[in-house]
N, C-alpha and C. Protein backbone atom coordinates (compact mmCIF):
# COMPACT_ATOMS: atom_id res chain seq x y z
N UNK A 1 -16.66 -15.61 -49.99
CA UNK A 1 -17.96 -15.97 -49.59
C UNK A 1 -18.79 -15.00 -49.36
N UNK A 2 -20.02 -14.77 -49.99
CA UNK A 2 -20.74 -13.79 -49.54
C UNK A 2 -22.39 -14.12 -48.77
N UNK A 3 -22.56 -14.08 -48.18
CA UNK A 3 -24.00 -14.39 -47.69
C UNK A 3 -24.85 -13.80 -48.21
N UNK A 4 -26.34 -13.88 -48.02
CA UNK A 4 -27.60 -13.67 -48.54
C UNK A 4 -27.71 -11.78 -48.54
N UNK A 5 -27.26 -11.50 -47.74
CA UNK A 5 -27.98 -9.94 -47.01
C UNK A 5 -26.34 -8.90 -47.79
N UNK A 6 -25.57 -9.49 -48.82
CA UNK A 6 -24.20 -8.75 -49.29
C UNK A 6 -23.51 -8.71 -48.04
N UNK A 7 -23.23 -9.03 -46.93
CA UNK A 7 -21.82 -9.26 -46.05
C UNK A 7 -21.00 -10.45 -46.60
N UNK A 8 -19.65 -10.02 -46.05
CA UNK A 8 -18.97 -11.22 -46.61
C UNK A 8 -18.56 -11.81 -45.03
N UNK A 9 -18.29 -13.21 -45.37
CA UNK A 9 -18.27 -13.92 -44.07
C UNK A 9 -16.94 -15.07 -44.39
N UNK A 10 -16.76 -15.26 -43.13
CA UNK A 10 -15.71 -15.96 -43.76
C UNK A 10 -14.55 -15.83 -41.69
N UNK A 11 -13.71 -16.57 -42.00
CA UNK A 11 -13.07 -16.67 -40.65
C UNK A 11 -11.88 -15.84 -40.48
N UNK A 12 -11.36 -14.90 -42.07
CA UNK A 12 -10.65 -13.93 -42.08
C UNK A 12 -11.51 -12.77 -41.67
N UNK A 13 -12.63 -12.55 -42.05
CA UNK A 13 -13.44 -11.26 -41.79
C UNK A 13 -13.73 -11.62 -40.46
N UNK A 14 -14.09 -12.89 -39.72
CA UNK A 14 -14.65 -12.65 -38.24
C UNK A 14 -13.56 -11.99 -37.29
N UNK A 15 -12.51 -12.96 -37.62
CA UNK A 15 -10.76 -12.41 -36.99
C UNK A 15 -10.49 -10.86 -37.19
N UNK A 16 -11.00 -10.59 -38.66
CA UNK A 16 -10.65 -9.00 -38.40
C UNK A 16 -11.26 -8.13 -37.91
N UNK A 17 -12.72 -8.59 -37.61
CA UNK A 17 -13.24 -7.78 -36.74
C UNK A 17 -13.16 -7.77 -35.13
N UNK A 18 -12.72 -9.08 -35.05
CA UNK A 18 -12.02 -9.54 -33.58
C UNK A 18 -10.75 -8.56 -32.72
N UNK A 19 -10.09 -8.17 -33.77
CA UNK A 19 -8.57 -8.02 -33.71
C UNK A 19 -9.10 -6.29 -33.79
N UNK A 20 -10.15 -5.78 -34.71
CA UNK A 20 -10.08 -4.68 -34.38
C UNK A 20 -10.96 -4.12 -33.35
N UNK A 21 -11.83 -4.63 -33.09
CA UNK A 21 -12.78 -4.02 -32.12
C UNK A 21 -12.08 -4.50 -30.49
N UNK A 22 -11.91 -5.52 -30.42
CA UNK A 22 -11.52 -6.45 -29.22
C UNK A 22 -12.68 -7.56 -28.95
N UNK A 23 -12.16 -8.46 -28.28
CA UNK A 23 -13.12 -9.53 -27.52
C UNK A 23 -12.85 -9.82 -26.08
N UNK A 24 -13.55 -9.76 -24.98
CA UNK A 24 -12.94 -9.91 -23.90
C UNK A 24 -14.55 -11.26 -23.24
N UNK A 25 -13.46 -12.00 -22.65
CA UNK A 25 -13.93 -13.10 -22.30
C UNK A 25 -13.43 -12.94 -20.80
N UNK A 26 -14.63 -13.55 -20.09
CA UNK A 26 -14.50 -13.00 -18.54
C UNK A 26 -15.41 -13.99 -17.54
N UNK A 27 -15.08 -14.72 -16.42
CA UNK A 27 -15.37 -15.95 -16.03
C UNK A 27 -14.74 -16.35 -14.45
N UNK A 28 -15.38 -17.01 -14.02
CA UNK A 28 -15.14 -17.59 -12.84
C UNK A 28 -15.50 -18.88 -12.53
N UNK A 29 -14.45 -19.65 -12.01
CA UNK A 29 -14.37 -20.58 -11.44
C UNK A 29 -14.18 -20.79 -9.96
N UNK A 30 -15.02 -21.43 -9.31
CA UNK A 30 -15.22 -21.50 -7.57
C UNK A 30 -15.52 -23.06 -7.69
N UNK A 31 -14.57 -23.52 -6.86
CA UNK A 31 -14.52 -24.66 -6.03
C UNK A 31 -15.40 -24.98 -4.93
N UNK A 32 -16.26 -25.58 -4.30
CA UNK A 32 -16.51 -25.13 -2.63
C UNK A 32 -17.02 -26.77 -2.69
N UNK A 33 -16.88 -26.86 -1.05
CA UNK A 33 -17.08 -28.35 -0.09
C UNK A 33 -17.90 -27.77 0.57
N UNK A 34 -19.20 -28.02 1.12
CA UNK A 34 -19.98 -27.87 2.71
C UNK A 34 -19.94 -26.14 2.62
N UNK A 35 -19.99 -25.41 1.66
CA UNK A 35 -20.14 -24.25 1.28
C UNK A 35 -18.91 -23.63 2.07
N UNK A 36 -17.82 -24.26 2.03
CA UNK A 36 -16.40 -23.28 2.38
C UNK A 36 -15.51 -23.42 0.67
N UNK A 37 -15.56 -22.40 0.35
CA UNK A 37 -14.99 -22.13 -0.67
C UNK A 37 -13.44 -22.42 -0.48
N UNK A 38 -13.27 -23.35 -1.56
CA UNK A 38 -11.89 -24.05 -1.78
C UNK A 38 -10.58 -23.48 -2.43
N UNK A 39 -11.48 -22.95 -4.16
CA UNK A 39 -10.76 -22.75 -4.57
C UNK A 39 -11.18 -21.64 -5.55
N UNK A 40 -10.79 -20.57 -6.04
CA UNK A 40 -11.30 -19.71 -7.05
C UNK A 40 -10.17 -19.37 -8.11
N UNK A 41 -10.53 -19.79 -9.49
CA UNK A 41 -9.97 -19.28 -10.40
C UNK A 41 -10.73 -18.01 -11.57
N UNK A 42 -10.22 -17.07 -11.61
CA UNK A 42 -10.28 -16.04 -12.26
C UNK A 42 -9.90 -15.43 -13.47
N UNK A 43 -10.75 -15.88 -14.69
CA UNK A 43 -10.22 -15.90 -15.78
C UNK A 43 -10.54 -14.80 -16.79
N UNK A 44 -9.94 -13.55 -17.19
CA UNK A 44 -9.84 -12.54 -18.10
C UNK A 44 -9.00 -12.65 -18.84
N UNK A 45 -9.67 -12.65 -20.27
CA UNK A 45 -9.21 -12.75 -21.61
C UNK A 45 -9.45 -11.90 -22.41
N UNK A 46 -8.55 -10.76 -22.90
CA UNK A 46 -8.64 -9.72 -23.99
C UNK A 46 -8.24 -10.07 -25.54
N UNK A 47 -8.81 -10.41 -26.61
CA UNK A 47 -8.04 -10.67 -27.78
C UNK A 47 -8.39 -9.14 -28.53
N UNK A 48 -7.60 -8.84 -28.68
CA UNK A 48 -7.29 -7.54 -29.59
C UNK A 48 -6.14 -7.14 -30.22
N UNK A 49 -5.71 -6.40 -31.66
CA UNK A 49 -4.60 -6.36 -32.04
C UNK A 49 -3.76 -5.36 -31.08
N UNK A 50 -2.59 -5.24 -31.54
CA UNK A 50 -1.65 -4.64 -30.73
C UNK A 50 -1.79 -2.73 -30.61
N UNK A 51 -2.65 -2.56 -31.64
CA UNK A 51 -2.80 -0.99 -31.92
C UNK A 51 -3.86 -0.75 -30.90
N UNK A 52 -4.79 -1.55 -31.15
CA UNK A 52 -5.96 -1.47 -29.88
C UNK A 52 -5.56 -1.57 -28.84
N UNK A 53 -4.67 -2.33 -28.38
CA UNK A 53 -4.28 -2.90 -26.83
C UNK A 53 -3.69 -1.46 -26.48
N UNK A 54 -2.82 -0.68 -27.17
CA UNK A 54 -2.01 0.37 -27.02
C UNK A 54 -3.05 1.62 -26.89
N UNK A 55 -4.11 1.63 -27.83
CA UNK A 55 -5.16 2.44 -27.30
C UNK A 55 -5.80 2.20 -26.50
N UNK A 56 -5.95 1.65 -25.57
CA UNK A 56 -6.31 1.47 -24.62
C UNK A 56 -5.86 1.56 -22.82
N UNK A 57 -4.14 1.21 -23.43
CA UNK A 57 -3.53 1.39 -22.54
C UNK A 57 -2.92 0.07 -21.74
N UNK A 58 -3.28 -0.60 -22.71
CA UNK A 58 -2.88 -1.88 -22.11
C UNK A 58 -1.53 -2.31 -23.05
N UNK A 59 -0.33 -1.83 -22.70
CA UNK A 59 0.78 -1.97 -23.42
C UNK A 59 2.32 -2.47 -22.32
N UNK A 60 2.01 -3.47 -21.72
CA UNK A 60 2.37 -3.76 -20.63
C UNK A 60 4.09 -4.57 -21.47
N UNK A 61 3.80 -5.06 -22.51
CA UNK A 61 4.99 -5.89 -23.17
C UNK A 61 6.14 -4.69 -23.38
N UNK A 62 6.02 -3.29 -23.90
CA UNK A 62 6.81 -2.78 -23.49
C UNK A 62 8.09 -2.71 -22.70
N UNK A 63 7.57 -2.98 -21.58
CA UNK A 63 8.33 -2.47 -20.41
C UNK A 63 8.80 -3.58 -19.66
N UNK A 64 8.28 -4.90 -20.29
CA UNK A 64 8.93 -6.32 -19.99
C UNK A 64 10.50 -6.33 -20.48
N UNK A 65 11.07 -6.85 -19.66
CA UNK A 65 12.49 -6.59 -19.67
C UNK A 65 13.22 -7.74 -20.29
N UNK A 66 11.84 -8.83 -20.48
CA UNK A 66 12.25 -10.16 -21.23
C UNK A 66 11.76 -9.76 -22.45
N UNK A 67 10.65 -8.92 -22.83
CA UNK A 67 10.01 -9.35 -24.18
C UNK A 67 10.49 -8.14 -24.95
N UNK A 68 11.02 -6.80 -24.14
CA UNK A 68 11.22 -5.68 -24.94
C UNK A 68 12.53 -5.37 -25.38
N UNK A 69 12.47 -5.44 -26.85
CA UNK A 69 13.79 -5.02 -27.75
C UNK A 69 14.59 -3.82 -27.16
N UNK A 70 14.13 -2.88 -26.66
CA UNK A 70 14.61 -1.78 -26.27
C UNK A 70 15.48 -1.70 -24.74
N UNK A 71 15.47 -2.76 -24.09
CA UNK A 71 15.57 -2.57 -22.66
C UNK A 71 16.76 -2.06 -22.22
N UNK A 72 18.23 -2.30 -23.02
CA UNK A 72 18.99 -1.10 -22.81
C UNK A 72 18.65 0.26 -22.94
N UNK A 73 18.02 0.79 -23.75
CA UNK A 73 16.98 1.94 -23.61
C UNK A 73 16.60 2.30 -22.34
N UNK A 74 16.03 1.37 -21.84
CA UNK A 74 15.13 1.90 -20.16
C UNK A 74 16.46 1.88 -19.57
N UNK A 75 17.37 0.90 -19.58
CA UNK A 75 18.30 0.66 -18.31
C UNK A 75 19.37 2.08 -18.52
N UNK A 76 19.13 2.53 -19.30
CA UNK A 76 20.27 3.81 -19.63
C UNK A 76 19.41 4.84 -18.79
N UNK A 77 18.33 4.84 -19.13
CA UNK A 77 17.44 5.88 -18.76
C UNK A 77 17.23 5.74 -17.36
N UNK A 78 16.99 4.57 -16.72
CA UNK A 78 16.88 4.37 -15.32
C UNK A 78 18.08 4.84 -14.35
N UNK A 79 19.28 4.32 -15.52
CA UNK A 79 20.48 4.85 -14.45
C UNK A 79 20.78 6.19 -14.13
N UNK A 80 20.50 6.95 -15.14
CA UNK A 80 20.52 8.59 -15.42
C UNK A 80 19.47 8.88 -14.16
N UNK A 81 18.35 8.33 -14.28
CA UNK A 81 17.42 8.81 -12.97
C UNK A 81 17.66 8.76 -11.67
N UNK A 82 18.58 7.57 -11.65
CA UNK A 82 18.99 7.17 -10.49
C UNK A 82 20.39 7.96 -9.95
N UNK A 83 21.04 8.74 -10.75
CA UNK A 83 22.01 9.81 -10.34
C UNK A 83 21.03 10.92 -10.40
N UNK A 84 20.24 11.08 -10.84
CA UNK A 84 19.61 12.80 -10.64
C UNK A 84 18.91 12.57 -9.06
N UNK A 85 18.53 11.09 -8.75
CA UNK A 85 17.58 11.16 -7.43
C UNK A 85 19.12 11.00 -6.67
N UNK A 86 20.16 10.62 -6.67
CA UNK A 86 21.16 10.72 -5.74
C UNK A 86 21.90 12.36 -5.45
N UNK A 87 21.72 13.07 -6.67
CA UNK A 87 21.95 14.64 -6.40
C UNK A 87 21.23 14.94 -5.32
N UNK A 88 19.69 15.14 -6.03
CA UNK A 88 18.78 15.43 -5.39
C UNK A 88 18.81 15.12 -3.61
N UNK A 89 18.69 13.90 -3.32
CA UNK A 89 18.95 13.28 -1.91
C UNK A 89 20.35 14.02 -1.21
N UNK A 90 22.03 14.35 -2.01
CA UNK A 90 22.83 14.88 -1.32
C UNK A 90 22.13 16.40 -0.98
N UNK A 91 21.72 16.86 -2.02
CA UNK A 91 21.21 18.52 -2.10
C UNK A 91 20.24 19.13 -0.47
N UNK A 92 19.52 17.66 -0.63
CA UNK A 92 18.60 17.83 0.70
C UNK A 92 19.32 17.50 1.80
N UNK A 93 20.32 16.57 1.83
CA UNK A 93 20.79 16.38 3.55
C UNK A 93 21.65 17.89 3.48
N UNK A 94 22.30 18.14 2.70
CA UNK A 94 23.08 19.40 2.83
C UNK A 94 22.45 20.49 3.30
N UNK A 95 21.04 20.67 2.74
CA UNK A 95 20.33 21.70 3.31
C UNK A 95 19.69 21.30 4.89
N UNK A 96 19.47 20.14 4.87
CA UNK A 96 19.17 19.74 6.36
C UNK A 96 20.02 19.89 7.05
N UNK A 97 21.47 19.66 6.98
CA UNK A 97 22.62 19.79 7.74
C UNK A 97 22.87 21.35 8.10
N UNK A 98 22.90 22.40 7.21
CA UNK A 98 23.14 23.78 7.38
C UNK A 98 21.86 24.34 8.15
N UNK A 99 20.36 23.74 7.99
CA UNK A 99 19.40 24.22 8.95
C UNK A 99 19.57 23.65 10.56
N UNK A 100 20.41 22.43 10.74
CA UNK A 100 20.39 22.20 12.08
C UNK A 100 21.42 22.84 12.59
N UNK A 101 22.87 22.97 11.97
CA UNK A 101 23.75 23.25 12.26
C UNK A 101 23.71 24.65 13.22
N UNK A 102 24.74 24.45 14.51
CA UNK A 102 24.48 25.50 15.39
C UNK A 102 24.87 26.97 14.95
N UNK A 103 24.39 28.07 15.55
CA UNK A 103 24.79 29.15 15.11
C UNK A 103 25.61 30.28 15.76
N UNK A 104 26.96 30.35 15.27
CA UNK A 104 27.86 30.84 15.91
C UNK A 104 28.10 32.48 15.96
N UNK A 105 28.03 33.37 16.75
CA UNK A 105 27.94 34.73 17.10
C UNK A 105 28.83 35.22 17.72
């Protein structure tokens, strides 16, 4: 469907633009009684494509162990990093023991 100005219109075009550029909806709901705030609800909604979310640094699903299909890869990487940390901790403890050991002459 075409409008009078030569622009295509329709739900598909609107959705394409929203996913390409992104859409942010933000709002606060506050419930107060006699000037005492009882409840505050903050709503932040971002609608965009996965590509756009990754571009702006919102790629939390990659690291969510329940959503990430490659969680075993992260787990293996974490295990390797833990081993490296243990080795470094042992080296540090050894260096500290040598530093505080009494010098025999």
